[in-house]
Amino acid sequence: MMRSLPILCIISQFLFFFKTLNGNFILQPVSQTLEGYEYTPQSFSQSESKLEIVNEWKYLDFEYSTFVQRQQSILNGDFVPKNNLPLGIDVHQNRMFVTTPRWKDGVPASLGTIPYPPKESSPAIRPYPNWEAHGNPNSPDCSKLMSVYRTAVDRCHRIWLIDSGIVNATVNLNQICPPKIVVYDLRTDELIVRYNLKTSQIKQDSLHSNIVVDIGDHCDDAHAIVSDVWRFGLVVYSLSKNSSWRVTNYNFYPDPVASDFNVYGLNFQWLDGVFGMSISYNAQSMQRVLYFHPMASFKEFMVPMDVLLNESVWQSNNQENAKYFVSIGDRGYNSQSSTSGVTRNGVMFFTQVHQDNIGCWDTSKPYTRAHLEKLFENGTNLIQFPNDLKVDNEDDESVWIISNRLPIFLYSNLDYGEVNFRILKANVKNIIRNSICNPHNKYINGSKSAFVLIEEGQCY
């Protein structure tokens, strides 16, 4: 009679943690659910205490010269408070920058500042650099700011903007001005660059919504990379050449499986392509790379910066360049991310919009779920749809988050009797001190560790 052998079949995906302690091997499962991944998470009180509420609003207001001017703007329909939503966040010294794209009517200005440290919890936004720089969508002057989505502050004290030129994107996409890159000197608030993207680089229904900046050996050796989230491409702009080129790759496309969102009782589909971008040195390839991911995706990708910044290679056959765009791993189910940022020592932070959380990864380690961590316990309620994230340029770096309940704003109705928008801040060193994302944490609890990923359907 044949003796049956024990077989272990994996019906889901688990991560097992082998730990050596006093020469003994212990097999321990690490918590890993369909909602995402966990690795020795901090307790609710510990993680929440490291997250500072900088500002919060029930609804946004703007800083007018006089009360009468504000009331007249409301009567004219130029300012409709409930139609304003903060989308992008940036910081430079004693100022924070907030973008308010013209998704709906009644947005009087598309970029503004608020003071830091904060003087009040819900300050009015001061248009940047002034009211005169912002155009009126009813009589558009395309030399002015029309609908700024996101910004990038560089180490040369400049702020770069991507102005989509689109108004009423939630109702009837209206491209009233060409998309443009605008740059201001933050020491003088003077305009440095206004560059309209080339017509050949703008597709039907393009939406240019994110921007990152790479600085070479000197401040004039600068490139901006802009994502076209709806037509799945990048536009690279050279400051020294005052010219741009479009980059295409199939990895910029959304994943249909990840395009279905279920948050706050709302179900909607976003086929958003390449979105999150961050630039850092990659130790494995020994070169600077652009890390990127589509919004509708669970995966992370990278491409060498040298490939993107070489204009000549994009004037020929793009298929030959496809091999340089590679997937480096995935974050797991329900792990869609909007934006990301990398610290000077190579720690990436990224939003987790489906989970109201922030994730982190030490870029010197493989991009596996064992090396990814959610920084806050579920249910903190401080983060409600983290939409933008930045790592500042200060000596003691911090990560900044804007939380804005965007799906409710778009598909339902915000309750303006409660807090809807927050700017949050966390010190990088504090938030990753006991984390797998800390480059200095090689082992945990003094024991050497190894990670084995057992895939669904495998039998052992």
Protein backbone atom coordinates (compact mmCIF):
# COMPACT_ATOMS: atom_id res chain seq x y z
CA MET A 1 0.00 0.00 0.00
CA MET A 2 1.39 3.33 -1.04
CA ARG A 3 1.85 5.81 1.77
CA SER A 4 0.42 9.25 0.99
CA LEU A 5 2.88 12.09 1.30
CA PRO A 6 1.92 15.34 2.99
CA ILE A 7 1.57 18.18 0.50
CA LEU A 8 1.24 21.82 1.36
CA CYS A 9 -0.64 23.78 -1.30
CA ILE A 10 -0.71 27.55 -1.19
CA ILE A 11 -4.15 28.95 -2.04
CA SER A 12 -3.11 32.54 -1.47
CA GLN A 13 0.12 34.46 -1.37
CA PHE A 14 2.02 34.45 1.92
CA LEU A 15 5.37 35.69 2.98
CA PHE A 16 7.35 33.48 5.35
CA PHE A 17 10.06 34.83 7.60
CA PHE A 18 12.98 32.53 8.40
CA LYS A 19 14.78 33.66 11.52
CA THR A 20 17.97 32.26 12.93
CA LEU A 21 18.23 32.43 16.68
CA ASN A 22 20.84 30.43 18.58
CA GLY A 23 21.39 28.35 15.48
CA ASN A 24 17.72 27.31 15.18
CA PHE A 25 15.54 28.10 12.20
CA ILE A 26 12.02 29.27 12.90
CA LEU A 27 9.35 29.63 10.21
CA GLN A 28 7.09 32.59 10.93
CA PRO A 29 4.38 34.00 8.64
CA VAL A 30 4.37 37.75 8.24
CA SER A 31 0.94 39.36 8.16
CA GLN A 32 -0.02 39.86 4.52
CA THR A 33 -3.61 40.51 3.57
CA LEU A 34 -5.50 41.34 0.41
CA GLU A 35 -5.62 44.92 1.59
CA GLY A 36 -1.86 45.17 1.19
CA TYR A 37 1.28 44.31 3.06
CA GLU A 38 2.52 44.69 6.62
CA TYR A 39 5.92 44.29 8.17
CA THR A 40 6.31 44.77 11.93
CA PRO A 41 3.97 47.79 11.91
CA GLN A 42 4.20 50.44 14.58
CA SER A 43 1.34 50.75 16.99
CA PHE A 44 -1.39 53.28 16.32
CA SER A 45 -0.23 55.69 19.00
CA GLN A 46 3.44 55.45 18.00
CA SER A 47 2.90 56.05 14.30
CA GLU A 48 0.26 58.75 14.72
CA SER A 49 2.45 60.71 17.14
CA LYS A 50 5.09 61.06 14.41
CA LEU A 51 2.59 62.68 12.04
CA GLU A 52 2.09 66.42 12.51
CA ILE A 53 -1.04 68.20 11.31
CA VAL A 54 0.33 71.39 9.81
CA ASN A 55 -2.93 72.80 8.44
CA GLU A 56 -6.48 71.60 7.95
CA TRP A 57 -9.56 73.06 6.32
CA LYS A 58 -13.26 72.37 6.07
CA TYR A 59 -13.18 74.44 2.86
CA LEU A 60 -10.61 76.70 1.23
CA ASP A 61 -10.52 80.47 1.26
CA PHE A 62 -8.29 82.96 -0.55
CA GLU A 63 -6.57 86.10 0.65
CA TYR A 64 -8.21 89.07 -1.04
CA SER A 65 -7.10 92.68 -0.67
CA THR A 66 -10.40 93.66 0.90
CA PHE A 67 -13.52 91.97 2.20
CA VAL A 68 -15.55 93.80 -0.45
CA GLN A 69 -13.34 92.37 -3.20
CA ARG A 70 -13.88 88.86 -1.85
CA GLN A 71 -17.65 89.29 -1.70
CA GLN A 72 -17.72 90.67 -5.23
CA SER A 73 -15.73 87.66 -6.45
CA ILE A 74 -18.31 85.35 -4.84
CA LEU A 75 -21.22 87.28 -6.36
CA ASN A 76 -19.57 87.13 -9.80
CA GLY A 77 -19.06 83.38 -9.50
CA ASP A 78 -15.28 83.80 -9.75
CA PHE A 79 -14.94 82.28 -6.28
CA VAL A 80 -17.12 79.33 -5.29
CA PRO A 81 -15.61 78.00 -2.03
CA LYS A 82 -17.02 74.45 -2.34
CA ASN A 83 -15.45 74.06 -5.82
CA ASN A 84 -11.89 74.53 -4.59
CA LEU A 85 -9.74 71.54 -3.68
CA PRO A 86 -6.01 71.50 -2.76
CA LEU A 87 -4.13 69.00 -4.93
CA GLY A 88 -0.36 69.60 -4.87
CA ILE A 89 1.96 70.40 -1.96
CA ASP A 90 5.49 71.78 -1.84
CA VAL A 91 7.64 73.62 0.67
CA HIS A 92 10.54 76.05 0.57
CA GLN A 93 11.94 77.56 3.77
CA ASN A 94 9.12 79.53 5.43
CA ARG A 95 6.46 78.96 2.76
CA MET A 96 4.26 76.10 1.67
CA PHE A 97 2.85 75.97 -1.84
CA VAL A 98 -0.61 74.59 -2.60
CA THR A 99 -2.10 74.03 -6.06
CA THR A 100 -5.82 74.31 -6.77
CA PRO A 101 -6.52 73.13 -10.34
CA ARG A 102 -9.58 74.54 -12.07
CA TRP A 103 -11.54 71.28 -12.08
CA LYS A 104 -14.77 73.22 -11.55
CA ASP A 105 -15.93 76.80 -11.96
CA GLY A 106 -15.15 79.28 -9.20
CA VAL A 107 -11.42 78.70 -8.60
CA PRO A 108 -9.94 82.21 -8.45
CA ALA A 109 -6.25 81.23 -8.45
CA SER A 110 -4.46 77.98 -9.26
CA LEU A 111 -1.34 78.26 -7.07
CA GLY A 112 -0.87 79.87 -3.70
CA THR A 113 1.23 80.03 -0.57
CA ILE A 114 0.63 79.74 3.14
CA PRO A 115 3.19 80.48 5.88
CA TYR A 116 5.29 77.90 7.68
CA PRO A 117 5.43 77.50 10.62
CA PRO A 118 1.66 77.96 10.53
CA LYS A 119 0.12 81.01 12.14
CA GLU A 120 -3.37 79.51 12.11
CA SER A 121 -4.85 76.10 11.39
CA SER A 122 -6.98 77.11 8.37
CA PRO A 123 -5.28 80.05 6.68
CA ALA A 124 -6.51 81.76 3.54
CA ILE A 125 -4.36 81.01 0.50
CA ARG A 126 -2.31 83.86 -0.96
CA PRO A 127 -2.09 83.61 -4.78
CA TYR A 128 1.47 83.09 -5.99
CA PRO A 129 3.32 85.14 -7.00
CA ASN A 130 0.36 87.58 -7.04
CA TRP A 131 -3.22 87.89 -8.25
CA GLU A 132 -2.11 89.34 -11.58
CA ALA A 133 -0.26 86.13 -12.54
CA HIS A 134 -3.52 84.14 -12.64
CA GLY A 135 -5.75 84.19 -15.69
CA ASN A 136 -9.53 84.13 -15.96
CA PRO A 137 -10.87 81.04 -17.77
CA ASN A 138 -13.80 83.06 -19.11
CA SER A 139 -11.42 85.34 -21.04
CA PRO A 140 -8.21 83.32 -21.12
CA ASP A 141 -4.81 84.97 -21.34
CA CYS A 142 -2.53 81.98 -21.89
CA SER A 143 0.55 83.86 -20.72
CA LYS A 144 -0.94 83.58 -17.22
CA LEU A 145 -1.45 80.61 -14.93
CA MET A 146 -4.60 78.72 -15.78
CA SER A 147 -4.75 75.32 -14.05
CA VAL A 148 -1.64 74.24 -12.13
CA TYR A 149 -1.64 70.60 -11.02
CA ARG A 150 1.68 69.99 -9.28
CA THR A 151 5.01 71.63 -8.58
CA ALA A 152 8.65 70.76 -7.92
CA VAL A 153 11.05 72.81 -5.77
CA ASP A 154 14.70 72.24 -6.73
CA ARG A 155 17.93 72.76 -4.78
CA CYS A 156 18.60 75.95 -6.77
CA HIS A 157 15.69 77.74 -5.05
CA ARG A 158 13.31 77.52 -7.99
CA ILE A 159 9.77 76.27 -8.20
CA TRP A 160 8.70 74.47 -11.38
CA LEU A 161 5.01 74.22 -12.29
CA ILE A 162 3.07 72.15 -14.77
CA ASP A 163 0.06 74.15 -15.93
CA SER A 164 -2.30 71.77 -17.77
CA GLY A 165 -4.24 74.57 -19.47
CA ILE A 166 -7.39 72.50 -18.87
CA VAL A 167 -10.47 73.75 -17.03
CA ASN A 168 -13.64 71.90 -16.02
CA ALA A 169 -11.94 68.52 -16.41
CA THR A 170 -14.67 66.85 -14.33
CA VAL A 171 -17.49 68.04 -16.60
CA ASN A 172 -16.33 68.63 -20.17
CA LEU A 173 -12.58 68.60 -20.79
CA ASN A 174 -11.77 72.10 -22.01
CA GLN A 175 -8.19 72.77 -23.20
CA ILE A 176 -8.33 76.55 -23.25
CA CYS A 177 -4.53 77.03 -23.22
CA PRO A 178 -1.61 74.82 -24.25
CA PRO A 179 0.06 73.00 -21.36
CA LYS A 180 3.15 74.84 -20.18
CA ILE A 181 6.08 74.61 -17.81
CA VAL A 182 6.56 77.70 -15.67
CA VAL A 183 9.53 78.40 -13.38
CA TYR A 184 9.91 81.08 -10.68
CA ASP A 185 12.95 82.15 -8.68
CA LEU A 186 11.91 81.66 -5.06
CA ARG A 187 14.39 84.26 -3.80
CA THR A 188 12.81 87.04 -5.86
CA ASP A 189 9.47 85.48 -6.96
CA GLU A 190 10.36 86.56 -10.51
CA LEU A 191 9.37 84.54 -13.57
CA ILE A 192 12.33 82.67 -15.10
CA VAL A 193 10.75 80.36 -17.68
CA ARG A 194 7.44 80.07 -19.48
CA TYR A 195 7.56 77.22 -21.97
CA ASN A 196 4.59 75.92 -23.96
CA LEU A 197 4.84 72.23 -24.77
CA LYS A 198 5.18 71.53 -28.48
CA THR A 199 1.99 70.75 -30.36
CA SER A 200 3.44 67.42 -31.48
CA GLN A 201 3.86 66.41 -27.83
CA ILE A 202 0.21 67.02 -26.93
CA LYS A 203 -2.28 64.29 -27.78
CA GLN A 204 -6.04 64.46 -27.87
CA ASP A 205 -7.27 64.44 -24.25
CA SER A 206 -3.73 64.69 -22.83
CA LEU A 207 -3.55 65.65 -19.17
CA HIS A 208 -0.13 66.77 -17.96
CA SER A 209 -0.45 66.47 -14.21
CA ASN A 210 2.90 65.80 -12.49
CA ILE A 211 6.44 67.14 -12.69
CA VAL A 212 9.87 66.23 -11.29
CA VAL A 213 13.16 68.03 -11.83
CA ASP A 214 16.69 66.70 -12.24
CA ILE A 215 19.70 68.97 -11.63
CA GLY A 216 23.10 68.06 -13.08
CA ASP A 217 26.45 69.60 -12.20
CA HIS A 218 25.10 73.16 -12.10
CA CYS A 219 21.74 74.91 -11.92
CA ASP A 220 21.51 75.56 -15.67
CA ASP A 221 21.95 71.83 -16.30
CA ALA A 222 18.34 71.11 -15.39
CA HIS A 223 15.63 68.92 -16.87
CA ALA A 224 11.95 68.74 -16.02
CA ILE A 225 10.03 65.52 -16.60
CA VAL A 226 6.26 65.87 -17.00
CA SER A 227 3.79 62.99 -17.00
CA ASP A 228 0.87 62.78 -19.43
CA VAL A 229 -1.41 60.66 -17.27
CA TRP A 230 -4.24 60.25 -19.80
CA ARG A 231 -2.20 59.65 -22.94
CA PHE A 232 0.58 57.66 -21.31
CA GLY A 233 3.80 59.47 -22.03
CA LEU A 234 6.51 61.69 -20.56
CA VAL A 235 7.71 65.05 -21.83
CA VAL A 236 11.31 65.92 -21.01
CA TYR A 237 12.26 69.61 -21.02
CA SER A 238 15.86 70.85 -21.13
CA LEU A 239 16.44 74.23 -19.50
CA SER A 240 19.74 74.85 -21.29
CA LYS A 241 18.27 74.00 -24.70
CA ASN A 242 14.84 75.48 -23.96
CA SER A 243 13.46 72.49 -25.84
CA SER A 244 11.47 69.35 -25.10
CA TRP A 245 10.86 65.83 -26.43
CA ARG A 246 8.26 63.14 -25.79
CA VAL A 247 9.11 59.72 -24.36
CA THR A 248 6.84 56.72 -24.86
CA ASN A 249 6.84 53.19 -23.45
CA TYR A 250 4.20 50.50 -22.90
CA ASN A 251 4.95 50.47 -19.15
CA PHE A 252 3.39 53.93 -18.95
CA TYR A 253 -0.04 52.39 -19.59
CA PRO A 254 -2.57 51.61 -16.84
CA ASP A 255 -3.33 48.08 -15.69
CA PRO A 256 -7.08 47.44 -16.19
CA VAL A 257 -7.15 45.24 -13.07
CA ALA A 258 -5.88 48.16 -10.97
CA SER A 259 -8.21 50.73 -12.56
CA ASP A 260 -11.16 49.76 -10.34
CA PHE A 261 -11.28 51.81 -7.13
CA ASN A 262 -13.55 51.30 -4.12
CA VAL A 263 -13.11 53.97 -1.46
CA TYR A 264 -15.51 55.68 0.95
CA GLY A 265 -18.39 53.63 -0.44
CA LEU A 266 -17.72 54.89 -3.96
CA ASN A 267 -16.84 52.67 -6.90
CA PHE A 268 -15.17 54.32 -9.89
CA GLN A 269 -12.69 53.54 -12.62
CA TRP A 270 -9.55 55.55 -13.30
CA LEU A 271 -7.50 54.53 -16.32
CA ASP A 272 -4.66 56.82 -15.28
CA GLY A 273 -1.26 55.99 -16.73
CA VAL A 274 2.21 57.10 -15.70
CA PHE A 275 1.87 59.36 -12.68
CA GLY A 276 4.19 58.91 -9.71
CA MET A 277 7.84 59.80 -10.40
CA SER A 278 10.98 60.17 -8.31
CA ILE A 279 14.68 60.38 -9.15
CA SER A 280 17.48 58.70 -7.22
CA TYR A 281 20.77 56.85 -7.54
CA ASN A 282 20.28 53.10 -7.98
CA ALA A 283 23.03 51.05 -6.33
CA GLN A 284 22.40 47.92 -8.41
CA SER A 285 22.72 49.64 -11.79
CA MET A 286 25.19 52.25 -10.43
CA GLN A 287 23.40 55.13 -12.14
CA ARG A 288 20.68 57.68 -11.57
CA VAL A 289 17.26 56.42 -12.49
CA LEU A 290 13.68 57.60 -12.74
CA TYR A 291 11.37 55.44 -10.65
CA PHE A 292 7.80 55.62 -11.95
CA HIS A 293 4.41 53.97 -11.80
CA PRO A 294 0.99 54.45 -13.41
CA MET A 295 -1.78 55.46 -11.02
CA ALA A 296 -3.81 52.43 -12.11
CA SER A 297 -1.13 49.89 -11.31
CA PHE A 298 0.32 47.82 -8.48
CA LYS A 299 3.82 47.83 -9.98
CA GLU A 300 6.91 50.03 -9.82
CA PHE A 301 9.24 50.60 -12.78
CA MET A 302 12.53 52.32 -13.47
CA VAL A 303 14.52 53.67 -16.40
CA PRO A 304 18.05 55.17 -16.48
CA MET A 305 18.04 58.96 -16.53
CA ASP A 306 20.65 58.90 -19.30
CA VAL A 307 18.08 57.33 -21.60
CA LEU A 308 15.44 59.96 -20.88
CA LEU A 309 17.80 62.92 -21.15
CA ASN A 310 19.30 61.90 -24.49
CA GLU A 311 17.08 63.74 -26.97
CA SER A 312 18.60 62.05 -30.01
CA VAL A 313 17.45 58.55 -29.04
CA TRP A 314 13.83 59.75 -29.06
CA GLN A 315 14.10 61.12 -32.58
CA SER A 316 14.58 57.58 -33.93
CA ASN A 317 12.90 54.21 -33.37
CA ASN A 318 11.42 54.14 -29.88
CA GLN A 319 11.13 50.35 -29.90
CA GLU A 320 14.88 50.04 -29.50
CA ASN A 321 14.64 51.88 -26.17
CA ALA A 322 11.91 49.67 -24.68
CA LYS A 323 14.46 47.33 -23.06
CA TYR A 324 15.65 50.10 -20.73
CA PHE A 325 12.24 50.40 -19.03
CA VAL A 326 11.95 47.59 -16.51
CA SER A 327 9.56 46.47 -13.79
CA ILE A 328 11.26 46.20 -10.40
CA GLY A 329 8.40 44.68 -8.39
CA ASP A 330 4.84 45.12 -7.18
CA ARG A 331 3.21 46.38 -4.02
CA GLY A 332 0.27 43.97 -3.91
CA TYR A 333 -3.48 44.21 -4.28
CA ASN A 334 -5.18 47.60 -3.63
CA SER A 335 -1.80 49.36 -3.58
CA GLN A 336 -2.45 52.07 -6.15
CA SER A 337 -0.21 55.08 -5.63
CA SER A 338 -0.31 58.63 -6.91
CA THR A 339 2.99 60.37 -6.12
CA SER A 340 6.31 59.52 -4.52
CA GLY A 341 9.53 61.14 -3.30
CA VAL A 342 13.03 59.97 -2.41
CA THR A 343 15.31 61.21 0.38
CA ARG A 344 19.01 62.00 -0.12
CA ASN A 345 19.97 58.62 1.35
CA GLY A 346 17.64 56.72 -0.96
CA VAL A 347 14.43 56.11 1.00
CA MET A 348 11.33 56.33 -1.15
CA PHE A 349 7.98 57.40 0.28
CA PHE A 350 4.83 56.81 -1.75
CA THR A 351 1.11 57.36 -1.29
CA GLN A 352 -1.34 54.50 -0.85
CA VAL A 353 -4.59 56.06 -2.01
CA HIS A 354 -6.73 52.93 -1.62
CA GLN A 355 -5.53 52.43 1.94
CA ASP A 356 -5.29 56.02 3.25
CA ASN A 357 -1.67 55.40 4.08
CA ILE A 358 1.93 56.12 3.16
CA GLY A 359 4.41 53.43 2.20
CA CYS A 360 8.21 53.42 2.23
CA TRP A 361 11.05 51.50 0.62
CA ASP A 362 14.84 51.58 1.01
CA THR A 363 15.98 51.74 -2.62
CA SER A 364 19.19 49.85 -1.81
CA LYS A 365 17.07 46.74 -1.19
CA PRO A 366 15.07 44.70 -3.71
CA TYR A 367 11.56 46.01 -4.41
CA THR A 368 9.72 43.15 -2.74
CA ARG A 369 6.81 43.30 -0.34
CA ALA A 370 9.14 42.16 2.42
CA HIS A 371 11.00 45.46 2.01
CA LEU A 372 7.90 47.67 1.81
CA GLU A 373 6.15 49.05 4.85
CA LYS A 374 2.99 50.95 5.62
CA LEU A 375 3.92 53.71 8.03
CA PHE A 376 0.58 54.21 9.78
CA GLU A 377 -2.04 51.95 11.24
CA ASN A 378 -5.30 51.69 9.31
CA GLY A 379 -8.05 53.80 10.80
CA THR A 380 -5.96 56.80 11.85
CA ASN A 381 -8.44 59.07 9.94
CA LEU A 382 -5.75 61.74 9.66
CA ILE A 383 -4.97 60.68 6.10
CA GLN A 384 -8.02 60.53 3.85
CA PHE A 385 -6.93 59.98 0.26
CA PRO A 386 -3.26 61.06 0.26
CA ASN A 387 -2.97 62.78 -3.11
CA ASP A 388 0.44 64.43 -3.18
CA LEU A 389 3.69 63.78 -1.33
CA LYS A 390 7.01 65.60 -1.25
CA VAL A 391 10.36 65.20 0.48
CA ASP A 392 11.77 68.65 1.21
CA ASN A 393 15.32 69.93 0.62
CA GLU A 394 16.08 70.82 4.24
CA ASP A 395 19.16 69.44 6.04
CA ASP A 396 16.85 67.53 8.38
CA GLU A 397 14.46 66.15 5.79
CA SER A 398 10.70 65.80 6.24
CA VAL A 399 8.01 64.19 4.16
CA TRP A 400 4.92 66.30 3.41
CA ILE A 401 1.50 64.92 2.51
CA ILE A 402 -1.70 66.51 1.27
CA SER A 403 -4.91 64.61 2.06
CA ASN A 404 -8.00 65.82 0.19
CA ARG A 405 -10.87 63.28 -0.11
CA LEU A 406 -10.71 63.68 -3.89
CA PRO A 407 -13.18 60.89 -4.83
CA ILE A 408 -15.89 62.40 -2.63
CA PHE A 409 -15.21 65.81 -4.18
CA LEU A 410 -15.54 64.35 -7.69
CA TYR A 411 -18.35 61.79 -7.31
CA SER A 412 -20.33 62.74 -4.23
CA ASN A 413 -20.61 65.72 -1.88
CA LEU A 414 -18.13 66.83 0.74
CA ASP A 415 -19.51 67.67 4.17
CA TYR A 416 -18.23 71.17 4.75
CA GLY A 417 -19.09 70.93 8.43
CA GLU A 418 -16.07 68.66 8.97
CA VAL A 419 -12.40 68.70 8.06
CA ASN A 420 -11.89 67.74 4.40
CA PHE A 421 -8.32 68.76 3.61
CA ARG A 422 -5.09 68.40 5.56
CA ILE A 423 -1.41 69.13 5.15
CA LEU A 424 0.62 66.62 7.19
CA LYS A 425 4.32 66.43 7.94
CA ALA A 426 6.64 63.78 9.37
CA ASN A 427 10.35 63.93 10.11
CA VAL A 428 12.09 61.34 7.92
CA LYS A 429 14.50 60.09 10.60
CA ASN A 430 11.76 59.69 13.19
CA ILE A 431 9.26 57.96 10.97
CA ILE A 432 11.64 55.29 9.66
CA ARG A 433 13.77 54.81 12.79
CA ASN A 434 12.37 51.33 13.57
CA SER A 435 11.31 50.59 10.03
CA ILE A 436 12.49 48.10 7.42
CA CYS A 437 12.92 51.21 5.25
CA ASN A 438 15.76 52.54 7.41
CA PRO A 439 19.02 51.93 5.49
CA HIS A 440 20.83 51.43 8.81
CA ASN A 441 18.49 48.64 9.94
CA LYS A 442 20.08 45.54 8.46
CA TYR A 443 18.73 43.06 10.99
CA ILE A 444 15.79 43.03 13.31
CA ASN A 445 16.12 42.16 17.00
CA GLY A 446 19.70 41.03 16.41
CA SER A 447 18.65 38.04 14.32
CA LYS A 448 19.61 37.42 10.71
CA SER A 449 16.64 37.18 8.42
CA ALA A 450 15.74 35.81 5.02
CA PHE A 451 12.51 36.20 3.09
CA VAL A 452 10.86 33.58 0.94
CA LEU A 453 7.91 34.50 -1.26
CA ILE A 454 5.61 31.55 -1.95
CA GLU A 455 3.35 32.28 -4.89
CA GLU A 456 -0.27 31.29 -5.28
CA GLY A 457 -0.79 27.85 -6.80
CA GLN A 458 2.55 26.43 -5.74
CA CYS A 459 2.64 23.18 -3.77
CA TYR A 460 5.34 22.15 -1.28
